[in-house]
Protein backbone atom coordinates (compact mmCIF):
# COMPACT_ATOMS: atom_id res chain seq x y z
CA UNK A 1 28.94 0.51 -13.62
CA UNK A 2 30.52 4.00 -13.30
CA UNK A 3 27.57 6.67 -13.20
CA UNK A 4 27.14 9.02 -15.59
CA UNK A 5 28.43 12.34 -15.57
CA UNK A 6 25.95 14.82 -14.29
CA UNK A 7 23.77 12.56 -12.18
CA UNK A 8 24.58 12.52 -8.94
CA UNK A 9 22.02 15.06 -7.24
CA UNK A 10 21.89 17.97 -5.08
CA UNK A 11 25.19 19.58 -4.86
CA UNK A 12 27.07 16.14 -5.12
CA UNK A 13 29.46 18.11 -7.57
CA UNK A 14 30.80 20.13 -4.69
CA UNK A 15 32.73 17.65 -2.92
CA UNK A 16 32.16 18.42 0.88
CA UNK A 17 28.35 19.87 0.95
CA UNK A 18 26.60 16.23 1.12
CA UNK A 19 23.41 16.39 0.79
CA UNK A 20 15.48 11.62 -4.67
CA UNK A 21 11.29 10.51 -5.26
CA UNK A 22 8.33 10.26 -4.75
CA UNK A 23 4.74 11.40 -3.26
CA UNK A 24 2.28 13.82 -4.39
CA UNK A 25 -0.04 16.23 -2.82
CA UNK A 26 -2.98 14.55 -1.06
CA UNK A 27 -6.14 16.39 -1.60
CA UNK A 28 -7.72 17.49 1.89
CA UNK A 29 -11.65 17.65 2.09
CA UNK A 30 -12.56 20.85 2.80
CA UNK A 31 -13.75 21.47 6.25
CA UNK A 32 -13.34 17.99 7.05
CA UNK A 33 -12.55 16.99 11.27
CA UNK A 34 -11.75 13.63 9.63
CA UNK A 35 -8.24 13.23 9.08
CA UNK A 36 -8.15 12.13 5.55
CA UNK A 37 -6.44 8.80 4.83
CA UNK A 38 -2.84 7.66 3.41
CA UNK A 39 -2.88 8.23 -0.05
CA UNK A 40 -0.21 7.07 -2.56
CA UNK A 41 -0.30 9.26 -5.55
CA UNK A 42 2.35 8.49 -8.13
CA UNK A 43 3.14 12.26 -9.50
CA UNK A 44 5.99 11.44 -11.93
CA UNK A 45 8.58 8.15 -12.69
CA UNK A 46 7.70 5.69 -15.01
CA UNK A 47 5.73 2.30 -14.72
CA UNK A 48 8.23 -1.01 -14.34
CA UNK A 49 7.46 -4.54 -14.21
CA UNK A 50 9.99 -6.72 -13.19
CA UNK A 51 9.83 -10.38 -14.24
CA UNK A 52 11.48 -13.44 -12.78
CA UNK A 53 12.64 -14.90 -16.18
CA UNK A 54 14.69 -13.07 -18.78
CA UNK A 55 11.80 -13.50 -21.46
CA UNK A 56 9.67 -11.16 -19.38
CA UNK A 57 7.76 -14.22 -18.01
CA UNK A 58 7.33 -15.96 -14.86
CA UNK A 59 6.63 -13.75 -11.32
CA UNK A 60 6.69 -10.50 -11.97
CA UNK A 61 6.59 -7.99 -9.46
CA UNK A 62 5.06 -4.11 -10.59
CA UNK A 63 6.25 -0.55 -9.27
CA UNK A 64 7.28 3.14 -9.91
CA UNK A 65 10.83 4.17 -10.37
CA UNK A 66 11.97 7.73 -10.63
CA UNK A 67 14.56 7.17 -13.13
CA UNK A 68 16.58 4.58 -15.02
CA UNK A 69 19.73 3.99 -12.65
CA UNK A 70 20.84 0.87 -11.39
CA UNK A 71 23.56 -1.47 -10.79
CA UNK A 72 22.22 -4.57 -8.95
CA UNK A 73 25.32 -6.69 -9.86
CA UNK A 74 24.82 -9.70 -8.66
CA UNK A 75 21.43 -9.29 -6.70
CA UNK A 76 18.00 -9.43 -7.05
CA UNK A 77 16.42 -6.20 -8.49
CA UNK A 78 13.01 -6.57 -5.95
CA UNK A 79 12.25 -8.92 -3.48
CA UNK A 80 9.86 -11.78 -4.53
CA UNK A 81 12.53 -12.21 -7.37
CA UNK A 82 14.80 -15.38 -6.69
CA UNK A 83 18.67 -13.90 -7.86
CA UNK A 84 19.33 -15.12 -11.53
CA UNK A 85 18.38 -13.98 -14.36
CA UNK A 86 15.28 -11.46 -14.90
CA UNK A 87 14.14 -8.95 -16.94
CA UNK A 88 12.40 -5.42 -16.77
CA UNK A 89 10.40 -3.33 -18.90
CA UNK A 90 9.73 0.30 -18.00
CA UNK A 91 6.48 2.19 -19.98
CA UNK A 92 5.30 5.84 -19.37
CA UNK A 93 5.63 8.71 -21.36
CA UNK A 94 8.90 11.31 -21.97
CA UNK A 95 7.64 14.78 -21.15
CA UNK A 96 10.10 17.48 -22.76
CA UNK A 97 10.03 20.74 -21.29
CA UNK A 98 11.58 22.31 -24.70
CA UNK A 99 11.71 21.75 -28.30
CA UNK A 100 15.29 20.42 -28.59
CA UNK A 101 17.14 17.50 -30.40
CA UNK A 102 18.36 14.89 -27.67
CA UNK A 103 20.79 12.18 -27.93
CA UNK A 104 19.24 9.26 -25.80
CA UNK A 105 22.18 6.96 -24.51
CA UNK A 106 21.66 3.36 -22.78
CA UNK A 107 24.42 2.13 -20.62
CA UNK A 108 23.98 -1.80 -19.95
CA UNK A 109 25.39 -4.82 -18.52
CA UNK A 110 22.87 -6.84 -20.28
CA UNK A 111 20.16 -6.68 -23.29
CA UNK A 112 18.64 -3.22 -23.54
CA UNK A 113 16.28 -1.76 -26.21
CA UNK A 114 14.53 1.36 -26.85
CA UNK A 115 11.16 2.36 -28.29
CA UNK A 116 9.68 5.82 -28.56
CA UNK A 117 6.50 6.21 -29.99
CA UNK A 118 6.83 2.83 -30.90
CA UNK A 119 9.95 3.20 -33.36
CA UNK A 120 13.25 1.23 -31.55
CA UNK A 121 15.67 4.20 -31.00
CA UNK A 122 19.82 3.16 -30.61
CA UNK A 123 21.55 4.47 -28.37
CA UNK A 124 23.32 7.70 -29.44
CA UNK A 125 20.52 8.27 -31.75
CA UNK A 126 19.62 11.51 -32.16
CA UNK A 127 15.74 12.72 -32.21
CA UNK A 128 13.80 15.65 -32.55
CA UNK A 129 11.49 16.27 -29.39
CA UNK A 130 8.90 19.27 -29.34
CA UNK A 131 7.64 21.02 -25.99
CA UNK A 132 4.57 20.65 -24.64
CA UNK A 133 4.02 17.07 -26.24
CA UNK A 134 4.40 13.36 -24.52
CA UNK A 135 6.10 10.78 -26.09
CA UNK A 136 5.50 7.24 -25.61
CA UNK A 137 8.76 5.35 -24.29
CA UNK A 138 9.17 1.69 -23.44
CA UNK A 139 12.68 0.52 -22.40
CA UNK A 140 13.61 -3.44 -21.90
CA UNK A 141 16.38 -4.95 -20.13
CA UNK A 142 17.24 -8.70 -19.69
CA UNK A 143 20.01 -9.66 -17.84
CA UNK A 144 22.29 -11.97 -19.52
CA UNK A 145 25.56 -11.97 -17.48
CA UNK A 146 26.78 -12.34 -13.89
CA UNK A 147 26.08 -8.56 -13.40
CA UNK A 148 23.31 -6.24 -14.51
CA UNK A 149 23.03 -2.43 -14.67
CA UNK A 150 21.40 0.00 -16.69
CA UNK A 151 21.22 3.59 -17.35
CA UNK A 152 19.13 5.64 -19.43
CA UNK A 153 20.74 9.30 -19.77
CA UNK A 154 20.58 11.71 -22.21
CA UNK A 155 22.72 14.10 -24.12
CA UNK A 156 20.87 17.85 -24.77
CA UNK A 157 23.13 20.11 -26.99
CA UNK A 158 26.76 20.68 -26.18
CA UNK A 159 25.77 19.24 -22.54
CA UNK A 160 27.63 16.26 -21.12
CA UNK A 161 25.08 13.48 -20.63
CA UNK A 162 23.04 13.52 -17.94
CA UNK A 163 20.84 10.99 -16.49
CA UNK A 164 17.13 11.65 -17.30
CA UNK A 165 15.53 13.37 -14.42
CA UNK A 166 12.48 11.69 -12.77
CA UNK A 167 9.95 15.17 -14.07
CA UNK A 168 10.39 14.56 -17.34
CA UNK A 169 8.57 10.98 -16.89
CA UNK A 170 5.18 9.76 -16.22
CA UNK A 171 4.13 6.34 -15.86
CA UNK A 172 1.27 4.65 -17.11
CA UNK A 173 -2.00 4.66 -15.88
CA UNK A 174 -2.71 2.01 -13.42
CA UNK A 175 -5.48 0.54 -15.95
CA UNK A 176 -2.42 -0.11 -18.41
CA UNK A 177 -0.26 -2.20 -15.81
CA UNK A 178 -0.88 -5.98 -16.15
CA UNK A 179 0.68 -6.56 -12.92
CA UNK A 180 -1.11 -4.39 -10.11
CA UNK A 181 1.07 -1.71 -8.19
CA UNK A 182 0.89 -2.80 -4.82
CA UNK A 183 0.98 -0.14 -1.87
CA UNK A 184 3.58 0.38 0.88
CA UNK A 185 3.93 -2.74 3.00
CA UNK A 186 4.07 -1.80 6.52
CA UNK A 187 6.87 -3.24 8.66
CA UNK A 188 9.05 -4.41 5.50
CA UNK A 189 12.67 -3.30 4.50
CA UNK A 190 12.11 -0.92 2.11
CA UNK A 191 15.35 -1.52 1.06
CA UNK A 192 17.58 -3.96 -0.83
CA UNK A 193 20.53 -6.02 -0.20
CA UNK A 194 20.56 -3.81 3.21
CA UNK A 195 23.18 -6.23 4.69
CA UNK A 196 25.79 -6.06 1.99
CA UNK A 197 25.81 -9.65 1.95
CA UNK A 198 25.42 -8.71 -2.05
CA UNK A 199 28.59 -6.13 -1.53
CA UNK A 200 27.21 -3.22 -3.09
CA UNK A 201 24.70 -4.61 -5.72
CA UNK A 202 21.48 -2.30 -5.80
CA UNK A 203 23.45 1.23 -4.68
CA UNK A 204 25.17 3.41 -6.67
CA UNK A 205 28.73 4.40 -5.68
CA UNK A 206 29.88 8.13 -6.76
CA UNK A 207 33.45 8.68 -5.93
CA UNK A 208 36.17 7.49 -3.57
CA UNK A 209 36.59 4.00 -2.52
CA UNK A 210 34.04 1.58 -1.87
CA UNK A 211 34.17 -1.90 -1.57
CA UNK A 212 32.36 -5.05 0.74
CA UNK A 213 35.06 -6.06 3.79
CA UNK A 214 34.55 -9.00 6.40
CA UNK A 215 32.47 -7.86 9.43
CA UNK A 216 32.34 -9.13 12.82
CA UNK A 217 29.24 -7.18 13.54
CA UNK A 218 27.05 -10.10 15.45
CA UNK A 219 25.44 -12.41 12.43
CA UNK A 220 26.85 -10.37 9.68
CA UNK A 221 29.48 -11.32 6.96
CA UNK A 222 30.07 -8.36 4.89
CA UNK A 223 29.84 -4.78 5.68
CA UNK A 224 30.64 -1.90 3.31
CA UNK A 225 33.56 0.18 3.39
CA UNK A 226 34.05 3.64 2.42
CA UNK A 227 36.66 5.99 2.16
CA UNK A 228 38.53 8.63 0.13
CA UNK A 229 34.81 11.02 0.34
CA UNK A 230 33.30 8.09 -0.72
CA UNK A 231 29.00 8.60 -1.16
CA UNK A 232 26.91 5.38 -1.67
CA UNK A 233 23.15 5.77 -2.21
CA UNK A 234 19.50 4.01 -3.17
CA UNK A 235 16.84 6.04 -4.68
CA UNK A 236 13.42 4.36 -3.32
CA UNK A 237 11.09 3.67 -6.11
CA UNK A 238 8.36 6.11 -6.41
CA UNK A 239 5.28 3.53 -5.18
CA UNK A 240 6.96 2.39 -1.72
CA UNK A 241 6.44 6.21 -0.19
CA UNK A 242 3.49 6.87 1.12
CA UNK A 243 2.16 10.59 1.93
CA UNK A 244 2.39 10.88 5.92
CA UNK A 245 3.17 7.90 6.97
CA UNK A 246 6.21 7.69 9.50
CA UNK A 247 9.31 5.94 8.12
CA UNK A 248 12.11 4.98 10.45
CA UNK A 249 16.12 4.61 8.81
CA UNK A 250 17.99 1.87 10.99
CA UNK A 251 21.68 0.87 10.61
CA UNK A 252 25.03 0.02 12.39
CA UNK A 253 28.28 2.26 11.65
CA UNK A 254 31.80 2.33 13.01
CA UNK A 255 34.80 4.75 12.11
CA UNK A 256 38.73 4.95 11.89
CA UNK A 257 40.53 6.90 14.22
CA UNK A 258 39.65 10.55 12.89
CA UNK A 259 36.86 9.56 11.17
CA UNK A 260 33.60 11.18 10.47
CA UNK A 261 30.56 8.35 9.25
CA UNK A 262 27.35 9.75 7.91
CA UNK A 263 23.98 8.05 7.15
CA UNK A 264 20.83 9.95 5.93
CA UNK A 265 17.66 9.75 4.54
CA UNK A 266 16.69 12.87 1.82
CA UNK A 267 13.95 14.04 -0.10
CA UNK A 268 12.69 16.78 -2.07
CA UNK A 269 9.93 17.99 -4.75
CA UNK A 270 11.45 18.73 -8.62
CA UNK A 271 12.66 22.18 -7.49
CA UNK A 272 15.21 20.51 -4.81
CA UNK A 273 15.73 19.39 -1.71
CA UNK A 274 13.43 19.37 0.94
CA UNK A 275 14.42 17.85 3.64
CA UNK A 276 17.65 15.86 5.13
CA UNK A 277 17.99 13.89 8.21
CA UNK A 278 21.39 12.12 9.21
CA UNK A 279 23.12 10.99 12.15
CA UNK A 280 27.11 10.72 12.18
CA UNK A 281 29.54 8.54 13.91
CA UNK A 282 32.99 8.89 14.76
CA UNK A 283 33.06 5.56 17.65
CA UNK A 284 35.81 2.59 16.73
CA UNK A 285 33.03 0.22 17.73
CA UNK A 286 29.81 -0.52 16.14
CA UNK A 287 27.10 1.87 17.08
CA UNK A 288 23.14 1.60 16.02
CA UNK A 289 21.28 4.20 15.29
CA UNK A 290 17.84 5.54 13.89
CA UNK A 291 16.26 8.63 12.20
CA UNK A 292 12.18 9.05 12.38
CA UNK A 293 10.73 11.18 10.05
CA UNK A 294 7.27 11.66 8.06
CA UNK A 295 7.76 12.81 4.36
CA UNK A 296 6.38 16.17 3.84
CA UNK A 297 3.54 16.13 1.18
CA UNK A 298 5.14 17.84 -1.17
CA UNK A 299 8.24 15.39 -1.35
CA UNK A 300 8.45 13.64 -4.94
CA UNK A 301 11.67 11.26 -4.51
CA UNK A 302 13.55 9.93 -1.41
CA UNK A 303 16.98 8.31 -0.89
CA UNK A 304 18.79 6.89 1.75
CA UNK A 305 22.86 7.59 1.47
CA UNK A 306 25.78 6.86 3.58
CA UNK A 307 28.93 9.25 3.46
CA UNK A 308 32.72 9.29 4.35
CA UNK A 309 35.50 12.01 4.85
CA UNK A 310 39.02 10.77 3.89
CA UNK A 311 38.88 8.02 6.76
CA UNK A 312 37.74 4.73 6.59
CA UNK A 313 33.77 4.13 7.51
CA UNK A 314 32.15 1.01 7.76
CA UNK A 315 28.31 0.74 7.49
CA UNK A 316 26.17 -2.52 7.87
CA UNK A 317 22.45 -3.84 8.25
CA UNK A 318 20.34 -0.73 7.10
CA UNK A 319 16.68 -1.07 7.02
CA UNK A 320 14.11 1.70 5.87
CA UNK A 321 10.30 0.82 7.39
CA UNK A 322 6.99 2.47 7.16
CA UNK A 323 4.86 2.70 10.09
CA UNK A 324 5.54 2.31 13.69
CA UNK A 325 8.01 0.29 14.11
CA UNK A 326 8.35 0.34 17.80
CA UNK A 327 4.32 -0.73 18.47
CA UNK A 328 3.36 -0.55 22.16
CA UNK A 329 2.30 -4.20 23.31
CA UNK A 330 -1.05 -4.43 25.60
CA UNK A 331 -0.66 -4.63 29.21
CA UNK A 332 0.01 -7.83 31.11
CA UNK A 333 -0.56 -9.80 28.00
CA UNK A 334 1.95 -12.46 26.18
CA UNK A 335 3.75 -11.77 23.28
CA UNK A 336 2.71 -14.70 20.76
CA UNK A 337 4.44 -15.10 17.53
CA UNK A 338 2.21 -14.09 15.10
CA UNK A 339 2.44 -16.05 11.41
CA UNK A 340 4.10 -14.31 8.51
CA UNK A 341 1.38 -16.32 6.09
CA UNK A 342 -2.41 -14.68 5.73
CA UNK A 343 -5.53 -16.68 4.51
CA UNK A 344 -4.13 -19.60 4.06
CA UNK A 345 -7.25 -21.48 4.31
CA UNK A 346 -8.71 -19.22 1.19
CA UNK A 347 -11.87 -17.95 3.41
CA UNK A 348 -10.93 -14.64 2.16
CA UNK A 349 -10.85 -16.27 -1.32
CA UNK A 350 -7.35 -15.45 -2.94
CA UNK A 351 -6.81 -12.17 -0.83
CA UNK A 352 -2.95 -11.84 -0.30
CA UNK A 353 -2.23 -14.74 -3.33
CA UNK A 354 -1.22 -13.23 -6.74
CA UNK A 355 -1.37 -15.40 -9.44
CA UNK A 356 0.70 -16.08 -12.55
CA UNK A 357 -0.41 -17.40 -15.59
CA UNK A 358 -3.03 -20.20 -16.09
CA UNK A 359 -5.61 -20.63 -13.88
CA UNK A 360 -6.54 -20.14 -9.89
CA UNK A 361 -9.70 -20.09 -8.14
CA UNK A 362 -11.33 -20.90 -4.95
CA UNK A 363 -13.71 -23.64 -4.99
CA UNK A 364 -16.45 -25.88 -2.21
CA UNK A 365 -15.13 -27.36 -0.34
CA UNK A 366 -12.47 -27.78 1.31
CA UNK A 367 -10.20 -30.81 2.46
CA UNK A 368 -12.50 -31.41 5.61
CA UNK A 369 -15.50 -31.43 3.82
CA UNK A 370 -16.46 -27.38 4.53
CA UNK A 371 -14.71 -23.98 3.80
CA UNK A 372 -12.66 -23.39 0.55
CA UNK A 373 -9.70 -24.76 -1.48
CA UNK A 374 -7.61 -23.79 -4.00
CA UNK A 375 -8.15 -25.24 -7.77
CA UNK A 376 -5.37 -24.43 -10.36
CA UNK A 377 -4.72 -25.66 -14.00
CA UNK A 378 -3.21 -24.81 -16.98
CA UNK A 379 0.58 -24.26 -15.65
CA UNK A 380 -0.40 -21.61 -13.07
CA UNK A 381 1.75 -20.39 -10.16
CA UNK A 382 0.24 -18.86 -7.29
CA UNK A 383 2.96 -17.24 -4.55
CA UNK A 384 2.37 -15.46 -1.06
CA UNK A 385 5.06 -12.83 -0.20
CA UNK A 386 5.36 -13.64 3.50
CA UNK A 387 5.44 -10.68 6.14
CA UNK A 388 9.22 -10.29 7.15
CA UNK A 389 8.69 -8.26 10.49
CA UNK A 390 6.76 -11.36 11.85
CA UNK A 391 9.61 -13.72 11.42
CA UNK A 392 12.65 -15.02 14.44
CA UNK A 393 15.37 -14.83 12.05
CA UNK A 394 17.52 -18.24 13.12
CA UNK A 395 13.89 -19.92 13.96
CA UNK A 396 12.47 -22.95 12.88
CA UNK A 397 8.89 -22.76 10.93
CA UNK A 398 7.00 -26.06 9.71
CA UNK A 399 5.18 -25.61 6.46
CA UNK A 400 2.22 -27.55 6.36
CA UNK A 401 -0.72 -28.12 4.16
CA UNK A 402 -3.03 -30.41 2.54
CA UNK A 403 -2.93 -31.17 -1.37
CA UNK A 404 -4.66 -33.51 -4.24
CA UNK A 405 -4.18 -34.16 -7.77
CA UNK A 406 -6.74 -35.12 -10.55
CA UNK A 407 -4.49 -37.75 -11.33
CA UNK A 408 -2.24 -37.05 -13.57
CA UNK A 409 -0.99 -34.08 -12.19
CA UNK A 410 1.84 -33.37 -9.63
CA UNK A 411 1.31 -30.55 -7.47
CA UNK A 412 3.94 -28.50 -5.70
CA UNK A 413 3.48 -26.81 -2.81
CA UNK A 414 6.96 -24.47 -2.20
CA UNK A 415 8.63 -22.69 -0.03
CA UNK A 416 11.48 -20.35 -0.62
CA UNK A 417 13.74 -18.14 1.53
CA UNK A 418 16.27 -15.77 0.17
CA UNK A 419 18.94 -12.77 0.68
CA UNK A 420 19.41 -10.14 -2.10
CA UNK A 421 22.11 -12.12 -3.78
CA UNK A 422 21.18 -15.94 -3.09
CA UNK A 423 18.71 -18.66 -2.65
CA UNK A 424 19.01 -19.45 0.97
CA UNK A 425 15.99 -22.69 1.28
CA UNK A 426 14.17 -24.06 -1.49
CA UNK A 427 11.85 -26.67 0.17
CA UNK A 428 9.08 -28.25 -1.52
CA UNK A 429 5.91 -30.83 -0.87
CA UNK A 430 4.80 -32.70 -4.25
CA UNK A 431 1.23 -34.18 -4.10
CA UNK A 432 0.33 -36.74 -7.10
CA UNK A 433 -2.87 -38.43 -4.61
CA UNK A 434 -6.25 -38.01 -5.86
CA UNK A 435 -7.21 -38.18 -2.26
CA UNK A 436 -6.62 -34.72 -0.12
CA UNK A 437 -3.10 -35.48 1.93
CA UNK A 438 -0.92 -33.51 4.82
CA UNK A 439 2.40 -32.98 4.12
CA UNK A 440 5.10 -31.25 6.01
CA UNK A 441 8.41 -29.65 6.28
CA UNK A 442 10.52 -28.40 8.73
CA UNK A 443 12.91 -25.12 7.98
CA UNK A 444 15.33 -22.66 9.74
CA UNK A 445 14.87 -19.10 8.68
CA UNK A 446 18.41 -18.06 8.38
CA UNK A 447 19.46 -14.99 10.31
CA UNK A 448 20.83 -12.87 7.19
CA UNK A 449 17.36 -13.33 5.03
CA UNK A 450 15.80 -11.01 3.07
CA UNK A 451 12.19 -12.10 1.74
CA UNK A 452 10.34 -15.61 2.00
CA UNK A 453 7.18 -16.78 -0.06
CA UNK A 454 4.74 -19.52 -0.58
CA UNK A 455 4.04 -20.75 -3.88
CA UNK A 456 2.12 -23.53 -5.73
CA UNK A 457 2.89 -24.60 -9.13
CA UNK A 458 0.98 -27.30 -11.42
CA UNK A 459 1.47 -28.39 -15.25
CA UNK A 460 -1.61 -28.75 -17.60
CA UNK A 461 -3.80 -30.95 -15.13
CA UNK A 462 -5.57 -30.12 -11.99
CA UNK A 463 -4.55 -29.44 -8.37
CA UNK A 464 -6.08 -28.43 -5.07
CA UNK A 465 -4.70 -27.21 -1.93
CA UNK A 466 -5.78 -26.28 1.46
CA UNK A 467 -5.10 -25.15 4.98
CA UNK A 468 -1.90 -24.53 4.42
CA UNK A 469 0.63 -23.15 7.31
CA UNK A 470 3.31 -21.54 8.63
CA UNK A 471 3.97 -21.96 12.50
CA UNK A 472 7.15 -21.30 14.46
CA UNK A 473 8.69 -24.61 16.45
């Protein structure tokens, strides 16, 4: 999908002036000597719910997007949803700054529908907006083709169309969102398709020549090549940024002879750019570099970009991580691998587990006659997205657990590993006995994985699960 003219941000119209999103002001308690806790506040944008199926059902993930401009191609739009068919529902309010007649324009690979104040609006249809009013907005998108992309622009007067900016949106109140919006998970890569195994999916290209090419970087298959003054960018969701938290951008790059290659993190307020931290490469060999920063309180958008001059550059294996990425180990203590799974015995009830449909509760006793167990009925799906930073890529892990059926149910414990564009591992353990049984499977976690999850599923009748473990072998 080609970007809508005028959507490129902050002076990108000036070809060689290189250098979008979150975070509102955190109120500090007056005269307090104790630092205020990190707070994620949503100042602007649209509430988004991403669904695993094309009909707005199944596993769902909620966040706040700064604007509607995405080119996913074949990759999954969010971690926790397998590549393939999906759907998205954006909701919130449109806040015009002046009274005018505008023409909303939807460009999509897939099926898209727009409603304003409950009335369906066709792409290119004129609507009369009044200043200082808020208009309820809903935009739905379903992936129906091999590739998926969507942008929501508007044409105002005689100006050419431009993507509707973040400052014109307000998200729904948290109480109106069916799927809870989780905070930033420390140690997780916030970028999608950061290894470019899904080619350019998830990244927006502006000018120049951009293509996925074979990579000779260790443990990598694909890198991204930029030339002829190319610019590639990924805007982070508003809800992925936390004021005052340290962030680290890390990546690899190499340059053709005479090339200067840049990657950077940039952010700002509604009125302009506040910061831009970047590193440059001129070496013809792969080098890795990182950028460390703390997001200023007045920032309301954040983006990561790569750029080239005329000569070609290659980029690979990016990560943007919140929190301390190099914690100091206690002296004289061995480093013990931590399990990516938490609360597998349900002693903390359903903490860290997400429920999709049906009924899921914690009951007593568990499989050993004490403790707790998970009980599910009525076509329920329960899932935990695991902590990627605790994995050792390429290692073997044992998935094990206890389960039992009410006698008529087939109860499934599943483990899935995915990259941005493909399902890499999908193993399941099925329980049909009315007595507790223990089952296990050993899997190898591929080096190019993007996320993993453990899930339970049941049909109409009841299942119980307990003592779920994920252990490095």
